[in-house]
C-alpha atoms as a PDB file:
ATOM      1  CA  MET A   1     185.470 201.703  97.310  1.00  0.00           C
ATOM      2  CA  THR A   2     183.328 204.651  96.213  1.00  0.00           C
ATOM      3  CA  TYR A   3     183.021 206.008  92.698  1.00  0.00           C
ATOM      4  CA  SER A   4     185.101 209.035  93.543  1.00  0.00           C
ATOM      5  CA  LYS A   5     187.925 206.936  95.010  1.00  0.00           C
ATOM      6  CA  GLU A   6     188.036 204.799  91.866  1.00  0.00           C
ATOM      7  CA  ILE A   7     188.078 207.862  89.602  1.00  0.00           C
ATOM      8  CA  LYS A   8     190.745 209.522  91.768  1.00  0.00           C
ATOM      9  CA  LYS A   9     192.941 206.437  91.557  1.00  0.00           C
ATOM     10  CA  LEU A  10     192.684 205.963  87.805  1.00  0.00           C
ATOM     11  CA  TYR A  11     192.978 209.662  86.921  1.00  0.00           C
ATOM     12  CA  SER A  12     195.976 210.172  89.221  1.00  0.00           C
ATOM     13  CA  GLN A  13     197.787 207.222  87.667  1.00  0.00           C
ATOM     14  CA  LEU A  14     197.010 208.312  84.112  1.00  0.00           C
ATOM     15  CA  LEU A  15     198.031 211.920  84.803  1.00  0.00           C
ATOM     16  CA  GLY A  16     201.234 210.754  86.472  1.00  0.00           C
ATOM     17  CA  LYS A  17     202.166 208.655  83.443  1.00  0.00           C
ATOM     18  CA  SER A  18     201.464 211.595  81.156  1.00  0.00           C
ATOM     19  CA  LEU A  19     203.640 213.924  83.242  1.00  0.00           C
ATOM     20  CA  LYS A  20     206.462 211.377  83.338  1.00  0.00           C
ATOM     21  CA  THR A  21     206.297 210.918  79.564  1.00  0.00           C
ATOM     22  CA  LYS A  22     206.513 214.687  79.022  1.00  0.00           C
ATOM     23  CA  MET A  23     209.409 214.926  81.504  1.00  0.00           C
ATOM     24  CA  ASN A  24     211.258 212.182  79.627  1.00  0.00           C
ATOM     25  CA  GLU A  25     210.623 213.896  76.275  1.00  0.00           C
ATOM     26  CA  LEU A  26     212.087 217.135  77.623  1.00  0.00           C
ATOM     27  CA  GLY A  27     214.916 215.447  79.553  1.00  0.00           C
ATOM     28  CA  ILE A  28     213.680 216.807  82.886  1.00  0.00           C
ATOM     29  CA  TYR A  29     214.410 215.055  86.188  1.00  0.00           C
ATOM     30  CA  ASN A  30     212.246 214.904  89.312  1.00  0.00           C
ATOM     31  CA  ASN A  31     214.469 217.456  91.065  1.00  0.00           C
ATOM     32  CA  GLN A  32     213.987 220.058  88.308  1.00  0.00           C
ATOM     33  CA  ILE A  33     210.255 220.787  88.689  1.00  0.00           C
ATOM     34  CA  ALA A  34     209.906 224.428  89.751  1.00  0.00           C
ATOM     35  CA  TYR A  35     208.082 227.716  89.255  1.00  0.00           C
ATOM     36  CA  TYR A  36     208.738 231.387  89.931  1.00  0.00           C
ATOM     37  CA  ASN A  37     206.764 232.770  92.868  1.00  0.00           C
ATOM     38  CA  SER A  38     205.433 236.333  93.239  1.00  0.00           C
ATOM     39  CA  ASP A  39     208.854 237.477  94.520  1.00  0.00           C
ATOM     40  CA  ASN A  40     210.386 236.158  91.306  1.00  0.00           C
ATOM     41  CA  LYS A  41     212.220 233.444  93.235  1.00  0.00           C
ATOM     42  CA  LEU A  42     212.508 229.942  91.865  1.00  0.00           C
ATOM     43  CA  VAL A  43     210.591 227.466  94.052  1.00  0.00           C
ATOM     44  CA  PHE A  44     211.382 223.773  93.585  1.00  0.00           C
ATOM     45  CA  ILE A  45     208.948 220.973  94.358  1.00  0.00           C
ATOM     46  CA  ALA A  46     210.503 218.266  96.517  1.00  0.00           C
ATOM     47  CA  GLU A  47     211.856 215.410  94.450  1.00  0.00           C
ATOM     48  CA  SER A  48     209.953 212.904  96.598  1.00  0.00           C
ATOM     49  CA  SER A  49     206.700 214.809  95.998  1.00  0.00           C
ATOM     50  CA  VAL A  50     207.300 214.792  92.261  1.00  0.00           C
ATOM     51  CA  GLY A  51     207.984 211.061  92.424  1.00  0.00           C
ATOM     52  CA  GLN A  52     204.722 210.419  94.278  1.00  0.00           C
ATOM     53  CA  ILE A  53     202.765 212.582  91.814  1.00  0.00           C
ATOM     54  CA  ILE A  54     204.096 210.782  88.740  1.00  0.00           C
ATOM     55  CA  LYS A  55     203.337 207.423  90.381  1.00  0.00           C
ATOM     56  CA  GLY A  56     199.735 208.587  90.847  1.00  0.00           C
ATOM     57  CA  ARG A  57     199.930 208.459  94.636  1.00  0.00           C
ATOM     58  CA  ARG A  58     199.714 212.143  95.478  1.00  0.00           C
ATOM     59  CA  ASN A  59     197.520 215.128  94.727  1.00  0.00           C
ATOM     60  CA  LEU A  60     198.857 217.586  92.191  1.00  0.00           C
ATOM     61  CA  THR A  61     198.357 220.647  94.416  1.00  0.00           C
ATOM     62  CA  PHE A  62     198.037 224.214  93.191  1.00  0.00           C
ATOM     63  CA  GLU A  63     201.719 224.885  93.886  1.00  0.00           C
ATOM     64  CA  SER A  64     202.917 221.705  92.230  1.00  0.00           C
ATOM     65  CA  SER A  65     200.617 222.267  89.248  1.00  0.00           C
ATOM     66  CA  LEU A  66     202.221 225.698  88.760  1.00  0.00           C
ATOM     67  CA  ALA A  67     205.634 224.049  88.838  1.00  0.00           C
ATOM     68  CA  PHE A  68     204.721 221.276  86.395  1.00  0.00           C
ATOM     69  CA  GLN A  69     202.945 223.723  84.097  1.00  0.00           C
ATOM     70  CA  SER A  70     205.941 226.048  84.058  1.00  0.00           C
ATOM     71  CA  THR A  71     208.625 223.380  83.762  1.00  0.00           C
ATOM     72  CA  LEU A  72     206.848 221.296  81.137  1.00  0.00           C
ATOM     73  CA  ASN A  73     205.825 224.341  79.076  1.00  0.00           C
ATOM     74  CA  TYR A  74     202.059 223.865  79.310  1.00  0.00           C
ATOM     75  CA  LYS A  75     200.251 227.086  78.418  1.00  0.00           C
ATOM     76  CA  THR A  76     197.211 226.588  80.648  1.00  0.00           C
ATOM     77  CA  PRO A  77     196.165 224.466  83.629  1.00  0.00           C
ATOM     78  CA  ARG A  78     193.687 222.650  81.374  1.00  0.00           C
ATOM     79  CA  GLU A  79     196.539 221.630  79.104  1.00  0.00           C
ATOM     80  CA  LEU A  80     198.362 220.271  82.160  1.00  0.00           C
ATOM     81  CA  PHE A  81     195.380 218.329  83.511  1.00  0.00           C
ATOM     82  CA  PHE A  82     194.128 217.222  80.064  1.00  0.00           C
ATOM     83  CA  PRO A  83     197.243 217.333  77.856  1.00  0.00           C
ATOM     84  CA  SER A  84     195.755 215.932  74.652  1.00  0.00           C
ATOM     85  CA  SER A  85     192.711 214.379  73.072  1.00  0.00           C
ATOM     86  CA  GLU A  86     194.569 211.048  73.179  1.00  0.00           C
ATOM     87  CA  PHE A  87     194.887 211.448  76.957  1.00  0.00           C
ATOM     88  CA  GLU A  88     191.176 212.244  77.230  1.00  0.00           C
ATOM     89  CA  LEU A  89     190.174 209.234  75.122  1.00  0.00           C
ATOM     90  CA  GLN A  90     192.434 206.991  77.183  1.00  0.00           C
ATOM     91  CA  LEU A  91     190.839 208.430  80.323  1.00  0.00           C
ATOM     92  CA  ILE A  92     187.359 207.653  78.994  1.00  0.00           C
ATOM     93  CA  GLU A  93     188.392 204.105  78.043  1.00  0.00           C
ATOM     94  CA  THR A  94     189.866 203.607  81.500  1.00  0.00           C
ATOM     95  CA  ILE A  95     186.728 204.940  83.180  1.00  0.00           C
ATOM     96  CA  ILE A  96     184.533 202.614  81.129  1.00  0.00           C
ATOM     97  CA  SER A  97     186.812 199.638  81.849  1.00  0.00           C
ATOM     98  CA  THR A  98     186.713 200.486  85.547  1.00  0.00           C
ATOM     99  CA  ILE A  99     182.942 200.711  85.536  1.00  0.00           C
ATOM    100  CA  LEU A 100     182.810 197.241  83.994  1.00  0.00           C
ATOM    101  CA  THR A 101     185.256 195.708  86.483  1.00  0.00           C
ATOM    102  CA  ALA A 102     185.238 197.610  89.795  1.00  0.00           C
ATOM    103  CA  SER A 103     183.045 196.207  92.512  1.00  0.00           C
ATOM    104  CA  CYS A 104     181.648 199.620  93.490  1.00  0.00           C
ATOM    105  CA  PHE A 105     179.885 199.781  90.101  1.00  0.00           C
ATOM    106  CA  LYS A 106     178.416 196.298  90.431  1.00  0.00           C
ATOM    107  CA  GLN A 107     174.621 196.230  90.112  1.00  0.00           C
ATOM    108  CA  THR A 108     174.487 199.773  88.684  1.00  0.00           C
ATOM    109  CA  PHE A 109     172.435 200.926  85.739  1.00  0.00           C
ATOM    110  CA  PHE A 110     175.571 202.435  84.254  1.00  0.00           C
ATOM    111  CA  ARG A 111     177.430 199.116  84.165  1.00  0.00           C
ATOM    112  CA  GLU A 112     174.401 197.408  82.662  1.00  0.00           C
ATOM    113  CA  ALA A 113     174.006 200.123  79.999  1.00  0.00           C
ATOM    114  CA  ILE A 114     177.652 199.879  78.920  1.00  0.00           C
ATOM    115  CA  TYR A 115     177.478 196.103  78.909  1.00  0.00           C
ATOM    116  CA  LYS A 116     174.485 196.239  76.560  1.00  0.00           C
ATOM    117  CA  LYS A 117     176.093 198.893  74.325  1.00  0.00           C
ATOM    118  CA  LEU A 118     179.114 196.662  73.872  1.00  0.00           C
ATOM    119  CA  ASP A 119     176.862 193.735  72.950  1.00  0.00           C
ATOM    120  CA  GLU A 120     178.116 191.912  76.044  1.00  0.00           C
ATOM    121  CA  LYS A 121     181.599 191.646  74.481  1.00  0.00           C
ATOM    122  CA  ILE A 122     183.745 192.987  77.287  1.00  0.00           C
ATOM    123  CA  ASN A 123     187.358 193.312  76.179  1.00  0.00           C
ATOM    124  CA  GLN A 124     189.773 196.197  75.791  1.00  0.00           C
ATOM    125  CA  GLN A 125     189.567 196.254  71.998  1.00  0.00           C
ATOM    126  CA  ASN A 126     185.770 196.448  72.047  1.00  0.00           C
ATOM    127  CA  ILE A 127     185.885 199.275  74.608  1.00  0.00           C
ATOM    128  CA  SER A 128     188.512 201.104  72.558  1.00  0.00           C
ATOM    129  CA  ASP A 129     186.472 200.715  69.360  1.00  0.00           C
ATOM    130  CA  PHE A 130     183.361 202.018  71.137  1.00  0.00           C
ATOM    131  CA  VAL A 131     185.172 205.089  72.488  1.00  0.00           C
ATOM    132  CA  ASN A 132     186.796 205.807  69.114  1.00  0.00           C
ATOM    133  CA  ALA A 133     183.456 205.497  67.312  1.00  0.00           C
ATOM    134  CA  HIS A 134     181.969 208.119  69.651  1.00  0.00           C
ATOM    135  CA  GLN A 135     185.078 210.176  70.325  1.00  0.00           C
ATOM    136  CA  GLU A 136     183.698 213.488  69.092  1.00  0.00           C
ATOM    137  CA  ILE A 137     180.755 213.501  71.502  1.00  0.00           C
ATOM    138  CA  PHE A 138     182.958 212.261  74.383  1.00  0.00           C
ATOM    139  CA  LEU A 139     185.587 214.941  73.771  1.00  0.00           C
ATOM    140  CA  ASN A 140     182.973 217.690  73.384  1.00  0.00           C
ATOM    141  CA  SER A 141     181.319 216.643  76.613  1.00  0.00           C
ATOM    142  CA  LEU A 142     184.605 216.725  78.515  1.00  0.00           C
ATOM    143  CA  ALA A 143     185.464 220.105  76.987  1.00  0.00           C
ATOM    144  CA  GLN A 144     182.180 221.538  78.238  1.00  0.00           C
ATOM    145  CA  PHE A 145     182.747 220.107  81.715  1.00  0.00           C
ATOM    146  CA  PHE A 146     186.388 221.257  81.762  1.00  0.00           C
ATOM    147  CA  PRO A 147     186.614 224.485  79.739  1.00  0.00           C
ATOM    148  CA  ALA A 148     189.820 226.300  78.838  1.00  0.00           C
ATOM    149  CA  PHE A 149     189.768 228.249  82.105  1.00  0.00           C
ATOM    150  CA  LEU A 150     189.389 225.669  84.841  1.00  0.00           C
ATOM    151  CA  THR A 151     187.978 226.520  88.242  1.00  0.00           C
ATOM    152  CA  GLU A 152     189.643 223.398  89.666  1.00  0.00           C
ATOM    153  CA  GLU A 153     193.187 223.939  90.920  1.00  0.00           C
ATOM    154  CA  THR A 154     194.289 220.437  91.969  1.00  0.00           C
ATOM    155  CA  SER A 155     194.155 216.961  90.499  1.00  0.00           C
ATOM    156  CA  PHE A 156     191.867 215.798  93.310  1.00  0.00           C
ATOM    157  CA  GLN A 157     189.418 218.602  92.468  1.00  0.00           C
ATOM    158  CA  ILE A 158     189.548 217.419  88.855  1.00  0.00           C
ATOM    159  CA  THR A 159     188.667 213.883  89.989  1.00  0.00           C
ATOM    160  CA  GLU A 160     185.674 215.127  91.987  1.00  0.00           C
ATOM    161  CA  ARG A 161     184.440 216.911  88.881  1.00  0.00           C
ATOM    162  CA  LEU A 162     185.094 213.799  86.770  1.00  0.00           C
ATOM    163  CA  THR A 163     182.926 211.842  89.187  1.00  0.00           C
ATOM    164  CA  GLU A 164     180.146 214.363  88.543  1.00  0.00           C
ATOM    165  CA  TRP A 165     180.762 213.918  84.804  1.00  0.00           C
ATOM    166  CA  LEU A 166     179.843 210.220  85.092  1.00  0.00           C
ATOM    167  CA  THR A 167     176.181 211.269  84.951  1.00  0.00           C
ATOM    168  CA  GLU A 168     176.733 212.853  81.575  1.00  0.00           C
ATOM    169  CA  LEU A 169     178.799 209.893  80.428  1.00  0.00           C
ATOM    170  CA  VAL A 170     175.925 207.520  81.157  1.00  0.00           C
ATOM    171  CA  CYS A 171     173.616 209.753  79.106  1.00  0.00           C
ATOM    172  CA  ILE A 172     176.026 209.635  76.181  1.00  0.00           C
ATOM    173  CA  VAL A 173     176.440 205.866  76.416  1.00  0.00           C
ATOM    174  CA  THR A 174     172.694 205.211  76.519  1.00  0.00           C
ATOM    175  CA  GLN A 175     171.906 207.351  73.458  1.00  0.00           C
END
């Protein structure tokens, strides 16, 4: 599996969980995700599509992102795709864990650098502590890569950009 496929998989699952949590908080069901189109008509996203998105198995397209953003009261697309700093930190932890465990990262400088930074103690708590200790630089880096006004319109475009961000992540880790 390539880097981008791994990032797509983990981001899609994490985003889906976040959307489902927000839906539960607001008492919104899969068949209630909708937006108003340019004709001021309410357009619903198919319940099956919503289900696949929140399971992390489907791209959050431009149309569906409009519907989720509108229904879940997110002010901007960035807020939809990166709903909180907690989400971003969890994403970074998940990326680092994936780099340490996924076969596509085997024999890479990045895996070796993280392994050394964690003093060869590879467990979730150690990864979490490392991310929390450096959270400000991680969050600032993501904010620069994904500013308030995103050019990406779908979750799969976000994952491609996240794959590009891995280069910056390795620079941060090796500092």
